[in-house]
Amino acid sequence: MRLLALVRAALVCASLPLAGQAQAAFPCDELWGERNAVYAEAGYCFRTARGIRAFGNANCRYDDIRDVPLSARDRAKVADIVREERRNGCGE
């Protein structure tokens, strides 16, 4: 239930257009939220203002994303999302 709330919060935050931001960025924002919700649920400590704004760091335990313990299922989910982000040209 907590993960669903985190995803919803991230999607709301990420979907709010910034001044001058194209609506085409929405799929990238949604993917960003889904990917980072996995890390937030696992205890990652976000460094960017966007990550902290969307997920906070109240219960974080891991400063290095490589140290975040993810299940095989979560790793596969993150890998799928990253592939989709690349296909959409996110972060370029």
Protein backbone atom coordinates (compact mmCIF):
# COMPACT_ATOMS: atom_id res chain seq x y z
CA MET A 1 0.00 0.00 0.00
CA ARG A 2 2.87 2.37 0.82
CA LEU A 3 4.45 1.75 -2.60
CA LEU A 4 1.19 2.66 -4.34
CA ALA A 5 1.03 5.91 -2.37
CA LEU A 6 4.64 6.69 -3.30
CA VAL A 7 3.98 6.03 -6.97
CA ARG A 8 0.88 8.22 -6.93
CA ALA A 9 2.75 11.05 -5.19
CA ALA A 10 5.60 10.83 -7.66
CA LEU A 11 3.25 10.80 -10.63
CA VAL A 12 1.38 13.84 -9.38
CA CYS A 13 4.62 15.70 -8.74
CA ALA A 14 6.21 14.60 -11.99
CA SER A 15 3.15 15.29 -14.11
CA LEU A 16 2.84 18.92 -13.12
CA PRO A 17 4.18 20.84 -16.11
CA LEU A 18 6.85 23.40 -15.44
CA ALA A 19 6.90 26.69 -17.30
CA GLY A 20 8.02 25.98 -20.86
CA GLN A 21 7.98 22.20 -20.39
CA ALA A 22 6.45 20.30 -23.30
CA GLN A 23 3.61 17.90 -22.62
CA ALA A 24 5.58 15.27 -24.58
CA ALA A 25 7.77 14.92 -21.48
CA PHE A 26 4.89 13.33 -19.55
CA PRO A 27 5.76 9.72 -20.47
CA CYS A 28 9.31 10.37 -19.26
CA ASP A 29 8.03 11.87 -16.03
CA GLU A 30 5.76 8.90 -15.46
CA LEU A 31 8.58 6.44 -16.10
CA TRP A 32 10.88 8.42 -13.81
CA GLY A 33 8.28 8.20 -11.05
CA GLU A 34 7.76 4.45 -11.50
CA ARG A 35 11.50 3.74 -11.50
CA ASN A 36 12.28 5.89 -8.51
CA ALA A 37 9.32 4.57 -6.52
CA VAL A 38 11.04 1.18 -6.57
CA TYR A 39 14.20 2.73 -5.12
CA ALA A 40 12.29 4.83 -2.59
CA GLU A 41 10.44 1.80 -1.28
CA ALA A 42 13.78 -0.01 -0.88
CA GLY A 43 15.30 2.84 1.16
CA TYR A 44 17.31 4.92 -1.30
CA CYS A 45 18.33 8.42 -0.13
CA PHE A 46 17.60 10.81 -2.97
CA ARG A 47 20.09 13.56 -3.76
CA THR A 48 18.24 15.64 -6.32
CA ALA A 49 15.66 18.23 -5.39
CA ARG A 50 13.17 16.45 -7.66
CA GLY A 51 13.68 13.10 -5.95
CA ILE A 52 13.50 14.58 -2.46
CA ARG A 53 10.39 16.58 -3.38
CA ALA A 54 8.65 13.50 -4.80
CA PHE A 55 9.70 10.87 -2.25
CA GLY A 56 11.46 12.56 0.67
CA ASN A 57 14.31 10.98 2.58
CA ALA A 58 12.64 10.36 5.94
CA ASN A 59 13.16 6.58 5.90
CA CYS A 60 16.14 6.32 3.61
CA ARG A 61 19.04 4.01 4.43
CA TYR A 62 21.22 3.82 1.30
CA ASP A 63 23.22 6.73 -0.11
CA ASP A 64 24.59 4.75 -3.05
CA ILE A 65 22.01 3.40 -5.48
CA ARG A 66 24.24 0.35 -6.04
CA ASP A 67 23.79 -0.60 -2.38
CA VAL A 68 19.98 -0.61 -2.49
CA PRO A 69 18.82 -4.21 -1.98
CA LEU A 70 16.33 -4.99 -4.75
CA SER A 71 14.63 -8.29 -5.38
CA ALA A 72 15.09 -9.96 -8.75
CA ARG A 73 11.58 -8.83 -9.62
CA ASP A 74 12.35 -5.19 -8.76
CA ARG A 75 15.63 -5.30 -10.70
CA ALA A 76 13.77 -6.61 -13.73
CA LYS A 77 11.12 -3.90 -13.34
CA VAL A 78 13.77 -1.17 -13.14
CA ALA A 79 15.56 -2.61 -16.19
CA ASP A 80 12.29 -2.62 -18.15
CA ILE A 81 11.60 0.98 -17.19
CA VAL A 82 15.13 2.07 -18.13
CA ARG A 83 14.72 0.43 -21.56
CA GLU A 84 11.41 2.26 -22.04
CA GLU A 85 13.01 5.55 -20.96
CA ARG A 86 15.72 5.06 -23.58
CA ARG A 87 13.14 4.24 -26.26
CA ASN A 88 11.33 7.47 -25.39
CA GLY A 89 14.52 9.52 -25.40
CA CYS A 90 14.10 10.44 -21.76
CA GLY A 91 16.94 12.33 -20.15
CA GLU A 92 18.54 13.37 -23.39
